[in-house]
C-alpha atoms as a PDB file:
ATOM      1  CA  MET A   1       5.295   7.015  -8.479  1.00  0.00           C
ATOM      2  CA  GLU A   2       3.234   8.599 -11.256  1.00  0.00           C
ATOM      3  CA  SER A   3       3.957   5.595 -13.479  1.00  0.00           C
ATOM      4  CA  THR A   4       2.868   3.130 -10.795  1.00  0.00           C
ATOM      5  CA  ILE A   5      -0.372   4.947 -10.047  1.00  0.00           C
ATOM      6  CA  THR A   6      -1.163   5.389 -13.741  1.00  0.00           C
ATOM      7  CA  ASN A   7      -0.676   1.653 -14.179  1.00  0.00           C
ATOM      8  CA  GLY A   8      -2.984   1.081 -11.213  1.00  0.00           C
ATOM      9  CA  VAL A   9      -5.715   3.175 -12.820  1.00  0.00           C
ATOM     10  CA  ASP A  10      -5.293   1.160 -16.039  1.00  0.00           C
ATOM     11  CA  GLN A  11      -5.548  -2.167 -14.186  1.00  0.00           C
ATOM     12  CA  ILE A  12      -8.634  -1.081 -12.232  1.00  0.00           C
ATOM     13  CA  ALA A  13     -10.301   0.152 -15.428  1.00  0.00           C
ATOM     14  CA  LYS A  14      -9.844  -3.108 -17.358  1.00  0.00           C
ATOM     15  CA  GLY A  15     -12.781  -5.038 -15.889  1.00  0.00           C
ATOM     16  CA  PRO A  16     -15.440  -2.344 -16.233  1.00  0.00           C
ATOM     17  CA  THR A  17     -14.181  -1.496 -19.727  1.00  0.00           C
ATOM     18  CA  ALA A  18     -14.305  -5.120 -20.894  1.00  0.00           C
ATOM     19  CA  LEU A  19     -17.767  -5.667 -19.427  1.00  0.00           C
ATOM     20  CA  ASN A  20     -19.347  -2.492 -20.788  1.00  0.00           C
ATOM     21  CA  GLY A  21     -17.459  -2.308 -24.063  1.00  0.00           C
ATOM     22  CA  VAL A  22     -16.742   1.396 -23.512  1.00  0.00           C
ATOM     23  CA  PRO A  23     -14.623   3.069 -20.814  1.00  0.00           C
ATOM     24  CA  VAL A  24     -17.464   4.512 -18.753  1.00  0.00           C
ATOM     25  CA  PHE A  25     -16.353   2.802 -15.521  1.00  0.00           C
ATOM     26  CA  MET A  26     -19.910   2.915 -14.135  1.00  0.00           C
ATOM     27  CA  ILE A  27     -19.537   0.644 -11.133  1.00  0.00           C
ATOM     28  CA  THR A  28     -22.308   0.742  -8.554  1.00  0.00           C
ATOM     29  CA  GLY A  29     -22.105  -0.257  -4.934  1.00  0.00           C
ATOM     30  CA  ILE A  30     -18.893   1.598  -4.089  1.00  0.00           C
ATOM     31  CA  PRO A  31     -19.538   4.907  -2.336  1.00  0.00           C
ATOM     32  CA  PRO A  32     -19.487   7.764  -3.048  1.00  0.00           C
ATOM     33  CA  GLY A  33     -20.493   7.235  -6.663  1.00  0.00           C
ATOM     34  CA  PRO A  34     -19.893   5.879 -10.142  1.00  0.00           C
ATOM     35  CA  ILE A  35     -16.133   6.348 -10.462  1.00  0.00           C
ATOM     36  CA  ALA A  36     -15.065   5.479  -6.911  1.00  0.00           C
ATOM     37  CA  SER A  37     -13.067   2.411  -7.973  1.00  0.00           C
ATOM     38  CA  ILE A  38     -10.918   4.615 -10.209  1.00  0.00           C
ATOM     39  CA  GLY A  39     -10.922   7.384  -7.631  1.00  0.00           C
ATOM     40  CA  ILE A  40      -9.125   5.348  -4.959  1.00  0.00           C
ATOM     41  CA  ALA A  41      -6.102   5.030  -7.225  1.00  0.00           C
ATOM     42  CA  LYS A  42      -6.300   8.659  -8.314  1.00  0.00           C
ATOM     43  CA  LYS A  43      -6.346   9.688  -4.643  1.00  0.00           C
ATOM     44  CA  LEU A  44      -2.829   8.291  -4.300  1.00  0.00           C
ATOM     45  CA  ARG A  45      -1.770  10.454  -7.232  1.00  0.00           C
ATOM     46  CA  GLN A  46      -3.195  13.496  -5.429  1.00  0.00           C
ATOM     47  CA  ILE A  47      -1.134  12.644  -2.358  1.00  0.00           C
ATOM     48  CA  ILE A  48       1.979  12.352  -4.510  1.00  0.00           C
ATOM     49  CA  ARG A  49       1.455  15.759  -6.048  1.00  0.00           C
ATOM     50  CA  ASN A  50       0.590  17.401  -2.734  1.00  0.00           C
ATOM     51  CA  GLN A  51       3.270  15.813  -0.573  1.00  0.00           C
ATOM     52  CA  VAL A  52       6.093  14.606  -2.809  1.00  0.00           C
ATOM     53  CA  THR A  53       6.268  16.722  -5.936  1.00  0.00           C
ATOM     54  CA  GLY A  54       5.188  20.059  -4.479  1.00  0.00           C
ATOM     55  CA  ASP A  55       6.407  23.394  -5.783  1.00  0.00           C
ATOM     56  CA  PRO A  56      10.059  23.652  -4.598  1.00  0.00           C
ATOM     57  CA  ASP A  57       9.756  27.426  -4.241  1.00  0.00           C
ATOM     58  CA  ILE A  58       7.011  27.322  -1.607  1.00  0.00           C
ATOM     59  CA  PRO A  59       8.400  27.948   1.899  1.00  0.00           C
ATOM     60  CA  ILE A  60       7.658  25.312   4.535  1.00  0.00           C
ATOM     61  CA  THR A  61       6.437  27.919   6.997  1.00  0.00           C
ATOM     62  CA  PRO A  62       4.445  31.066   6.178  1.00  0.00           C
ATOM     63  CA  ALA A  63       7.083  33.189   7.911  1.00  0.00           C
ATOM     64  CA  ASN A  64       9.824  31.481   5.907  1.00  0.00           C
ATOM     65  CA  ALA A  65      11.775  31.124   9.134  1.00  0.00           C
ATOM     66  CA  THR A  66      15.541  31.132   8.807  1.00  0.00           C
ATOM     67  CA  THR A  67      17.385  28.097  10.189  1.00  0.00           C
ATOM     68  CA  PHE A  68      21.054  27.273  10.620  1.00  0.00           C
ATOM     69  CA  TYR A  69      21.042  26.100   7.004  1.00  0.00           C
ATOM     70  CA  GLY A  70      19.035  29.010   5.647  1.00  0.00           C
ATOM     71  CA  ALA A  71      15.391  29.415   4.683  1.00  0.00           C
ATOM     72  CA  GLN A  72      13.668  26.030   4.434  1.00  0.00           C
ATOM     73  CA  THR A  73      11.644  25.152   1.347  1.00  0.00           C
ATOM     74  CA  PHE A  74      10.301  21.912  -0.076  1.00  0.00           C
ATOM     75  CA  ALA A  75      13.445  21.809  -2.213  1.00  0.00           C
ATOM     76  CA  ASP A  76      15.427  21.301   0.992  1.00  0.00           C
ATOM     77  CA  LEU A  77      13.747  17.924   1.438  1.00  0.00           C
ATOM     78  CA  GLN A  78      14.966  16.638  -1.920  1.00  0.00           C
ATOM     79  CA  GLN A  79      17.738  14.081  -2.119  1.00  0.00           C
ATOM     80  CA  ASN A  80      21.237  15.613  -2.091  1.00  0.00           C
ATOM     81  CA  SER A  81      19.931  19.097  -1.281  1.00  0.00           C
ATOM     82  CA  THR A  82      22.302  21.393   0.604  1.00  0.00           C
ATOM     83  CA  TYR A  83      20.014  21.206   3.621  1.00  0.00           C
ATOM     84  CA  MET A  84      19.812  17.386   3.704  1.00  0.00           C
ATOM     85  CA  ASN A  85      23.535  16.960   3.043  1.00  0.00           C
ATOM     86  CA  GLY A  86      24.220  19.398   5.875  1.00  0.00           C
ATOM     87  CA  ILE A  87      22.124  17.304   8.253  1.00  0.00           C
ATOM     88  CA  ASN A  88      23.639  14.018   7.128  1.00  0.00           C
ATOM     89  CA  SER A  89      27.218  15.303   7.499  1.00  0.00           C
ATOM     90  CA  PHE A  90      26.583  17.065  10.814  1.00  0.00           C
ATOM     91  CA  SER A  91      29.600  16.602  13.096  1.00  0.00           C
ATOM     92  CA  GLY A  92      29.178  19.248  15.780  1.00  0.00           C
ATOM     93  CA  THR A  93      28.090  18.845  19.374  1.00  0.00           C
ATOM     94  CA  PRO A  94      25.166  16.398  19.396  1.00  0.00           C
ATOM     95  CA  MET A  95      21.877  18.149  19.963  1.00  0.00           C
ATOM     96  CA  GLN A  96      19.552  16.918  22.688  1.00  0.00           C
ATOM     97  CA  ARG A  97      16.437  15.717  20.926  1.00  0.00           C
ATOM     98  CA  LEU A  98      13.554  13.311  20.958  1.00  0.00           C
ATOM     99  CA  VAL A  99      12.077  11.679  17.872  1.00  0.00           C
ATOM    100  CA  ILE A 100       8.400  10.816  17.594  1.00  0.00           C
ATOM    101  CA  TRP A 101       7.893   8.604  14.574  1.00  0.00           C
ATOM    102  CA  GLY A 102       4.622   7.501  12.998  1.00  0.00           C
ATOM    103  CA  ASN A 103       4.029   3.794  12.518  1.00  0.00           C
ATOM    104  CA  GLU A 104       0.768   3.469  10.586  1.00  0.00           C
ATOM    105  CA  SER A 105      -1.056   0.154  10.495  1.00  0.00           C
ATOM    106  CA  SER A 106      -1.941  -1.696   7.302  1.00  0.00           C
ATOM    107  CA  PRO A 107      -3.088  -0.729   4.725  1.00  0.00           C
ATOM    108  CA  ILE A 108      -0.832   2.305   5.022  1.00  0.00           C
ATOM    109  CA  HIS A 109      -1.625   3.813   1.599  1.00  0.00           C
ATOM    110  CA  TRP A 110      -5.421   3.727   1.918  1.00  0.00           C
ATOM    111  CA  ARG A 111      -5.227   5.151   5.442  1.00  0.00           C
ATOM    112  CA  LEU A 112      -2.967   7.914   4.179  1.00  0.00           C
ATOM    113  CA  ALA A 113      -5.397   8.635   1.348  1.00  0.00           C
ATOM    114  CA  SER A 114      -8.270   8.850   3.841  1.00  0.00           C
ATOM    115  CA  SER A 115      -6.372  11.244   6.099  1.00  0.00           C
ATOM    116  CA  GLN A 116      -5.381  13.350   3.094  1.00  0.00           C
ATOM    117  CA  ASP A 117      -9.081  14.036   2.550  1.00  0.00           C
ATOM    118  CA  LYS A 118      -9.578  14.834   6.217  1.00  0.00           C
ATOM    119  CA  ALA A 119      -6.635  17.249   6.231  1.00  0.00           C
ATOM    120  CA  ASN A 120      -8.492  19.441   3.741  1.00  0.00           C
ATOM    121  CA  GLN A 121     -11.494  19.805   6.065  1.00  0.00           C
ATOM    122  CA  ALA A 122     -11.689  22.350   8.869  1.00  0.00           C
ATOM    123  CA  THR A 123     -13.043  19.842  11.395  1.00  0.00           C
ATOM    124  CA  ALA A 124     -11.616  18.032  14.399  1.00  0.00           C
ATOM    125  CA  TRP A 125      -9.917  14.665  13.925  1.00  0.00           C
ATOM    126  CA  ALA A 126     -11.856  11.543  14.859  1.00  0.00           C
ATOM    127  CA  SER A 127     -10.861   7.916  15.386  1.00  0.00           C
ATOM    128  CA  ASN A 128     -12.192   6.782  11.990  1.00  0.00           C
ATOM    129  CA  ASP A 129     -10.589   9.509   9.869  1.00  0.00           C
ATOM    130  CA  ASP A 130      -8.283   6.980   8.197  1.00  0.00           C
ATOM    131  CA  GLN A 131     -11.036   4.515   7.256  1.00  0.00           C
ATOM    132  CA  THR A 132     -12.819   6.001   4.228  1.00  0.00           C
ATOM    133  CA  PHE A 133     -10.603   4.671   1.459  1.00  0.00           C
ATOM    134  CA  VAL A 134      -9.849   1.486   3.390  1.00  0.00           C
ATOM    135  CA  SER A 135     -13.565   0.732   3.140  1.00  0.00           C
ATOM    136  CA  TYR A 136     -13.744   1.738  -0.535  1.00  0.00           C
ATOM    137  CA  ALA A 137     -10.778  -0.477  -1.449  1.00  0.00           C
ATOM    138  CA  SER A 138     -12.178  -3.450   0.475  1.00  0.00           C
ATOM    139  CA  THR A 139     -15.544  -3.074  -1.263  1.00  0.00           C
ATOM    140  CA  ALA A 140     -13.817  -2.775  -4.631  1.00  0.00           C
ATOM    141  CA  VAL A 141     -11.782  -5.962  -4.077  1.00  0.00           C
ATOM    142  CA  ASN A 142     -14.934  -7.903  -3.178  1.00  0.00           C
ATOM    143  CA  LEU A 143     -16.785  -6.537  -6.217  1.00  0.00           C
ATOM    144  CA  TYR A 144     -13.924  -7.308  -8.609  1.00  0.00           C
ATOM    145  CA  ASP A 145     -13.511 -10.812  -7.178  1.00  0.00           C
ATOM    146  CA  ALA A 146     -17.242 -11.480  -7.566  1.00  0.00           C
ATOM    147  CA  GLN A 147     -17.186 -10.269 -11.185  1.00  0.00           C
ATOM    148  CA  TYR A 148     -14.134 -12.447 -11.859  1.00  0.00           C
ATOM    149  CA  ALA A 149     -15.874 -15.556 -10.487  1.00  0.00           C
ATOM    150  CA  ASN A 150     -19.114 -14.723 -12.307  1.00  0.00           C
ATOM    151  CA  GLN A 151     -17.419 -14.355 -15.681  1.00  0.00           C
ATOM    152  CA  LEU A 152     -15.492 -17.610 -15.197  1.00  0.00           C
ATOM    153  CA  SER A 153     -18.787 -19.343 -14.420  1.00  0.00           C
ATOM    154  CA  ILE A 154     -20.358 -17.964 -17.598  1.00  0.00           C
ATOM    155  CA  ALA A 155     -17.301 -19.088 -19.574  1.00  0.00           C
ATOM    156  CA  ALA A 156     -17.505 -22.604 -18.114  1.00  0.00           C
ATOM    157  CA  THR A 157     -21.199 -22.869 -18.981  1.00  0.00           C
ATOM    158  CA  ASN A 158     -20.538 -21.851 -22.585  1.00  0.00           C
ATOM    159  CA  ASN A 159     -17.636 -24.291 -22.894  1.00  0.00           C
ATOM    160  CA  ALA A 160     -19.791 -27.097 -21.500  1.00  0.00           C
ATOM    161  CA  PHE A 161     -22.310 -26.515 -24.314  1.00  0.00           C
ATOM    162  CA  GLY A 162     -19.601 -26.296 -26.943  1.00  0.00           C
ATOM    163  CA  ASN A 163     -19.868 -22.528 -27.406  1.00  0.00           C
ATOM    164  CA  PHE A 164     -16.098 -22.048 -27.211  1.00  0.00           C
ATOM    165  CA  PRO A 165     -15.952 -18.524 -28.753  1.00  0.00           C
ATOM    166  CA  ALA A 166     -18.243 -17.250 -25.995  1.00  0.00           C
ATOM    167  CA  GLY A 167     -16.229 -19.210 -23.445  1.00  0.00           C
ATOM    168  CA  ILE A 168     -13.007 -17.561 -24.586  1.00  0.00           C
ATOM    169  CA  TYR A 169     -14.653 -14.140 -24.582  1.00  0.00           C
ATOM    170  CA  HIS A 170     -15.934 -14.434 -21.003  1.00  0.00           C
ATOM    171  CA  THR A 171     -12.623 -15.894 -19.843  1.00  0.00           C
ATOM    172  CA  TRP A 172     -10.953 -12.756 -21.194  1.00  0.00           C
ATOM    173  CA  ILE A 173     -13.446 -10.527 -19.346  1.00  0.00           C
ATOM    174  CA  ALA A 174     -12.811 -12.510 -16.165  1.00  0.00           C
ATOM    175  CA  ASN A 175      -9.069 -11.958 -16.441  1.00  0.00           C
ATOM    176  CA  GLU A 176      -9.610  -8.228 -16.961  1.00  0.00           C
ATOM    177  CA  TRP A 177     -11.492  -8.080 -13.639  1.00  0.00           C
ATOM    178  CA  LYS A 178      -8.769 -10.207 -12.065  1.00  0.00           C
ATOM    179  CA  ALA A 179      -6.130  -7.664 -13.140  1.00  0.00           C
ATOM    180  CA  GLY A 180      -7.891  -4.945 -11.135  1.00  0.00           C
ATOM    181  CA  ARG A 181      -8.408  -7.218  -8.141  1.00  0.00           C
ATOM    182  CA  ASP A 182      -4.760  -8.279  -8.123  1.00  0.00           C
ATOM    183  CA  TRP A 183      -3.538  -4.681  -8.355  1.00  0.00           C
ATOM    184  CA  LEU A 184      -5.733  -3.665  -5.427  1.00  0.00           C
ATOM    185  CA  ASN A 185      -4.385  -6.573  -3.374  1.00  0.00           C
ATOM    186  CA  GLN A 186      -0.776  -5.790  -4.294  1.00  0.00           C
ATOM    187  CA  SER A 187      -1.022  -2.008  -4.136  1.00  0.00           C
ATOM    188  CA  GLU A 188       0.142  -1.627  -0.530  1.00  0.00           C
ATOM    189  CA  SER A 189       3.331  -3.555  -1.240  1.00  0.00           C
ATOM    190  CA  LEU A 190       3.903  -1.469  -4.386  1.00  0.00           C
ATOM    191  CA  TRP A 191       3.388   1.743  -2.408  1.00  0.00           C
ATOM    192  CA  ALA A 192       5.690   0.603   0.410  1.00  0.00           C
ATOM    193  CA  ASN A 193       8.381  -0.136  -2.160  1.00  0.00           C
ATOM    194  CA  LEU A 194       7.984   3.337  -3.687  1.00  0.00           C
ATOM    195  CA  ILE A 195       8.485   5.102  -0.358  1.00  0.00           C
ATOM    196  CA  GLY A 196      11.381   2.844   0.655  1.00  0.00           C
ATOM    197  CA  ALA A 197       9.473   0.884   3.281  1.00  0.00           C
ATOM    198  CA  ASN A 198       9.936  -2.608   1.819  1.00  0.00           C
ATOM    199  CA  THR A 199      12.842  -4.555   3.297  1.00  0.00           C
ATOM    200  CA  GLY A 200      12.732  -7.416   0.792  1.00  0.00           C
ATOM    201  CA  THR A 201      11.100 -10.828   0.880  1.00  0.00           C
ATOM    202  CA  ILE A 202      11.113 -13.855   3.165  1.00  0.00           C
ATOM    203  CA  LEU A 203      10.149 -17.458   2.603  1.00  0.00           C
ATOM    204  CA  GLY A 204       6.437 -17.697   3.289  1.00  0.00           C
ATOM    205  CA  GLY A 205       6.150 -21.470   2.983  1.00  0.00           C
ATOM    206  CA  PHE A 206       5.578 -24.131   0.353  1.00  0.00           C
ATOM    207  CA  ILE A 207       2.695 -24.983  -1.971  1.00  0.00           C
ATOM    208  CA  ASN A 208       2.037 -28.673  -2.653  1.00  0.00           C
ATOM    209  CA  THR A 209       2.133 -29.575  -6.351  1.00  0.00           C
ATOM    210  CA  TRP A 210       1.328 -32.558  -8.545  1.00  0.00           C
ATOM    211  CA  THR A 211       2.746 -33.037 -12.037  1.00  0.00           C
ATOM    212  CA  GLN A 212       1.180 -35.549 -14.444  1.00  0.00           C
ATOM    213  CA  THR A 213       3.751 -37.953 -15.922  1.00  0.00           C
ATOM    214  CA  CYS A 214       1.637 -40.412 -17.908  1.00  0.00           C
ATOM    215  CA  SER A 215      -0.084 -39.845 -21.227  1.00  0.00           C
ATOM    216  CA  GLU A 216      -3.730 -38.927 -21.585  1.00  0.00           C
ATOM    217  CA  GLY A 217      -4.465 -42.469 -22.773  1.00  0.00           C
ATOM    218  CA  GLN A 218      -2.777 -44.000 -19.738  1.00  0.00           C
ATOM    219  CA  TRP A 219      -4.748 -41.688 -17.476  1.00  0.00           C
ATOM    220  CA  ASN A 220      -8.024 -42.653 -19.171  1.00  0.00           C
ATOM    221  CA  GLN A 221      -7.174 -46.341 -18.687  1.00  0.00           C
ATOM    222  CA  CYS A 222      -6.633 -45.766 -14.980  1.00  0.00           C
ATOM    223  CA  TYR A 223      -9.572 -43.493 -14.270  1.00  0.00           C
ATOM    224  CA  PRO A 224     -12.485 -44.054 -13.608  1.00  0.00           C
ATOM    225  CA  ALA A 225     -11.631 -47.742 -13.187  1.00  0.00           C
ATOM    226  CA  ASN A 226      -9.677 -46.712 -10.080  1.00  0.00           C
ATOM    227  CA  SER A 227     -10.026 -43.921  -7.586  1.00  0.00           C
ATOM    228  CA  MET A 228      -8.687 -40.449  -8.312  1.00  0.00           C
ATOM    229  CA  ALA A 229      -6.108 -40.813  -5.534  1.00  0.00           C
ATOM    230  CA  THR A 230      -4.829 -44.108  -6.972  1.00  0.00           C
ATOM    231  CA  CYS A 231      -4.460 -42.684 -10.469  1.00  0.00           C
ATOM    232  CA  MET A 232      -2.732 -39.576  -9.166  1.00  0.00           C
ATOM    233  CA  ASP A 233      -0.217 -41.820  -7.395  1.00  0.00           C
ATOM    234  CA  GLN A 234       0.386 -43.869 -10.551  1.00  0.00           C
ATOM    235  CA  CYS A 235       0.332 -41.050 -13.090  1.00  0.00           C
ATOM    236  CA  GLY A 236       2.082 -38.185 -11.377  1.00  0.00           C
ATOM    237  CA  VAL A 237       4.779 -36.880  -9.086  1.00  0.00           C
ATOM    238  CA  TYR A 238       4.112 -34.953  -5.905  1.00  0.00           C
ATOM    239  CA  GLY A 239       6.295 -32.041  -4.917  1.00  0.00           C
ATOM    240  CA  SER A 240       6.258 -28.523  -3.559  1.00  0.00           C
ATOM    241  CA  VAL A 241       7.328 -25.048  -4.606  1.00  0.00           C
ATOM    242  CA  PRO A 242       8.336 -22.206  -2.283  1.00  0.00           C
ATOM    243  CA  TYR A 243       6.498 -18.905  -2.158  1.00  0.00           C
ATOM    244  CA  TYR A 244       7.822 -15.617  -0.853  1.00  0.00           C
ATOM    245  CA  VAL A 245       6.120 -12.683   0.824  1.00  0.00           C
ATOM    246  CA  SER A 246       7.169  -9.047   1.024  1.00  0.00           C
ATOM    247  CA  VAL A 247       8.339  -7.729   4.373  1.00  0.00           C
ATOM    248  CA  GLN A 248       7.163  -4.210   5.067  1.00  0.00           C
ATOM    249  CA  ALA A 249       9.076  -1.872   7.347  1.00  0.00           C
ATOM    250  CA  GLY A 250       7.413   0.667   9.595  1.00  0.00           C
ATOM    251  CA  SER A 251       6.358   3.985   8.069  1.00  0.00           C
ATOM    252  CA  ASP A 252       3.858   6.798   8.440  1.00  0.00           C
ATOM    253  CA  GLY A 253       2.498   5.886   5.021  1.00  0.00           C
ATOM    254  CA  LEU A 254       4.808   8.341   3.270  1.00  0.00           C
ATOM    255  CA  VAL A 255       8.137   8.391   5.154  1.00  0.00           C
ATOM    256  CA  PRO A 256       9.782   5.084   6.175  1.00  0.00           C
ATOM    257  CA  ILE A 257      11.093   4.440   9.655  1.00  0.00           C
ATOM    258  CA  TYR A 258      14.732   4.890   8.566  1.00  0.00           C
ATOM    259  CA  SER A 259      14.174   8.453   7.406  1.00  0.00           C
ATOM    260  CA  GLN A 260      12.007   9.352  10.383  1.00  0.00           C
ATOM    261  CA  GLN A 261      14.649   8.130  12.809  1.00  0.00           C
ATOM    262  CA  GLY A 262      17.667   9.437  10.888  1.00  0.00           C
ATOM    263  CA  THR A 263      19.207   5.987  10.500  1.00  0.00           C
ATOM    264  CA  GLY A 264      22.724   6.140   9.091  1.00  0.00           C
ATOM    265  CA  THR A 265      23.260   9.802   9.952  1.00  0.00           C
ATOM    266  CA  ASN A 266      24.951  11.612  12.804  1.00  0.00           C
ATOM    267  CA  TRP A 267      21.504  12.746  13.930  1.00  0.00           C
ATOM    268  CA  LEU A 268      20.539   9.253  15.063  1.00  0.00           C
ATOM    269  CA  VAL A 269      19.191   9.295  18.639  1.00  0.00           C
ATOM    270  CA  THR A 270      19.369   6.648  21.333  1.00  0.00           C
ATOM    271  CA  PRO A 271      16.539   4.095  21.543  1.00  0.00           C
ATOM    272  CA  ASP A 272      15.206   5.562  24.796  1.00  0.00           C
ATOM    273  CA  ARG A 273      14.527   8.819  22.968  1.00  0.00           C
ATOM    274  CA  LEU A 274      12.573   7.237  20.103  1.00  0.00           C
ATOM    275  CA  LEU A 275       8.839   7.501  20.737  1.00  0.00           C
ATOM    276  CA  GLU A 276       6.563   5.408  18.491  1.00  0.00           C
ATOM    277  CA  ALA A 277       3.206   6.888  17.557  1.00  0.00           C
ATOM    278  CA  THR A 278       1.296   3.753  16.606  1.00  0.00           C
ATOM    279  CA  ASN A 279      -1.436   3.925  13.951  1.00  0.00           C
ATOM    280  CA  VAL A 280      -0.396   7.479  13.040  1.00  0.00           C
ATOM    281  CA  ASN A 281       0.148   8.379   9.401  1.00  0.00           C
ATOM    282  CA  HIS A 282       1.856  11.379   7.841  1.00  0.00           C
ATOM    283  CA  MET A 283      -1.302  13.477   7.683  1.00  0.00           C
ATOM    284  CA  GLU A 284      -2.241  12.772  11.317  1.00  0.00           C
ATOM    285  CA  MET A 285       0.940  14.052  12.958  1.00  0.00           C
ATOM    286  CA  ARG A 286      -0.804  17.111  14.371  1.00  0.00           C
ATOM    287  CA  GLY A 287      -4.154  15.652  15.343  1.00  0.00           C
ATOM    288  CA  HIS A 288      -4.041  11.964  16.279  1.00  0.00           C
ATOM    289  CA  THR A 289      -4.697  11.025  19.909  1.00  0.00           C
ATOM    290  CA  ASN A 290      -1.630   8.767  19.873  1.00  0.00           C
ATOM    291  CA  MET A 291       0.486  11.818  19.042  1.00  0.00           C
ATOM    292  CA  THR A 292      -0.955  13.554  22.109  1.00  0.00           C
ATOM    293  CA  THR A 293       0.099  10.536  24.174  1.00  0.00           C
ATOM    294  CA  GLN A 294       3.656  10.700  22.864  1.00  0.00           C
ATOM    295  CA  PHE A 295       3.871  14.455  23.412  1.00  0.00           C
ATOM    296  CA  ASN A 296       2.798  13.834  26.996  1.00  0.00           C
ATOM    297  CA  ASN A 297       5.497  11.159  27.283  1.00  0.00           C
ATOM    298  CA  ALA A 298       8.049  13.597  25.899  1.00  0.00           C
ATOM    299  CA  PHE A 299       7.223  16.357  28.337  1.00  0.00           C
ATOM    300  CA  ASN A 300       6.928  14.077  31.392  1.00  0.00           C
ATOM    301  CA  ARG A 301      10.479  12.743  31.234  1.00  0.00           C
ATOM    302  CA  THR A 302      13.008  12.971  34.075  1.00  0.00           C
ATOM    303  CA  ASP A 303      16.097  13.605  31.920  1.00  0.00           C
ATOM    304  CA  PHE A 304      17.190  16.615  29.877  1.00  0.00           C
ATOM    305  CA  PHE A 305      13.666  16.950  28.505  1.00  0.00           C
ATOM    306  CA  ARG A 306      12.002  17.148  31.895  1.00  0.00           C
ATOM    307  CA  THR A 307       9.428  19.935  32.040  1.00  0.00           C
ATOM    308  CA  PRO A 308       9.774  21.678  35.423  1.00  0.00           C
ATOM    309  CA  VAL A 309       6.743  22.475  37.527  1.00  0.00           C
ATOM    310  CA  TRP A 310       6.733  26.262  37.903  1.00  0.00           C
END
């Protein structure tokens, strides 16, 4: 995860560095200030350190409550820990339980980053608490795309006047901005893959292609004496190439659906006892209104979990 985020920071920094000549990253127009475009990637790193690579000696609860498997710490949540292996190999009498799982909407990583900020504030949750970094990232993509197009335009103008060195230079700057734009567009898929919430790829469709088969001289003989369409028919072959898109599984932005539901373990519950908290990410589990709805659903059941009226 650290490697991926570090690479993201590098990709985002390329455009501003190439344009300014020095790595000052002074990009205006993206709140809250001059380094916001770098900050959105660094925010993911903060989440990693706070939620994934925390101190294994810190108890999960202040009281360090003792469970069947002993005192729980962050180390218990690591792969192959005694605690996790105990859960996965559980073979006793099935426990009656409900599972409320968070299914955050896209973009899961920017919403998680926004809620991470909110979690550090002693204020009530609001409906737009997961929007801050979504807005920053969207603004950054638009800015990077505009810079990319602008630099390509400058390059084309220079090439048209025969100033090829300047054309090459501005083409390079354009591609540096494009690297940041592409990383921002791909970052959710990268994040989903890191947390185990990518299920692979599916065929998205086909892109029409045309491959030139005649020489440049033959093309010049055909065009402009004939229409572009006629020359393309005579001097090329039409075809298509497939493209694939990533399929993203449900998650709360940090824990995929499989882990939340205990898939593949003896702790798996029946579908009627799985309650989906839509649009809820990992940081919103204690404050989102959709969690309140699911808690109400849990306590208003007519089965084992029925809450009696006293």
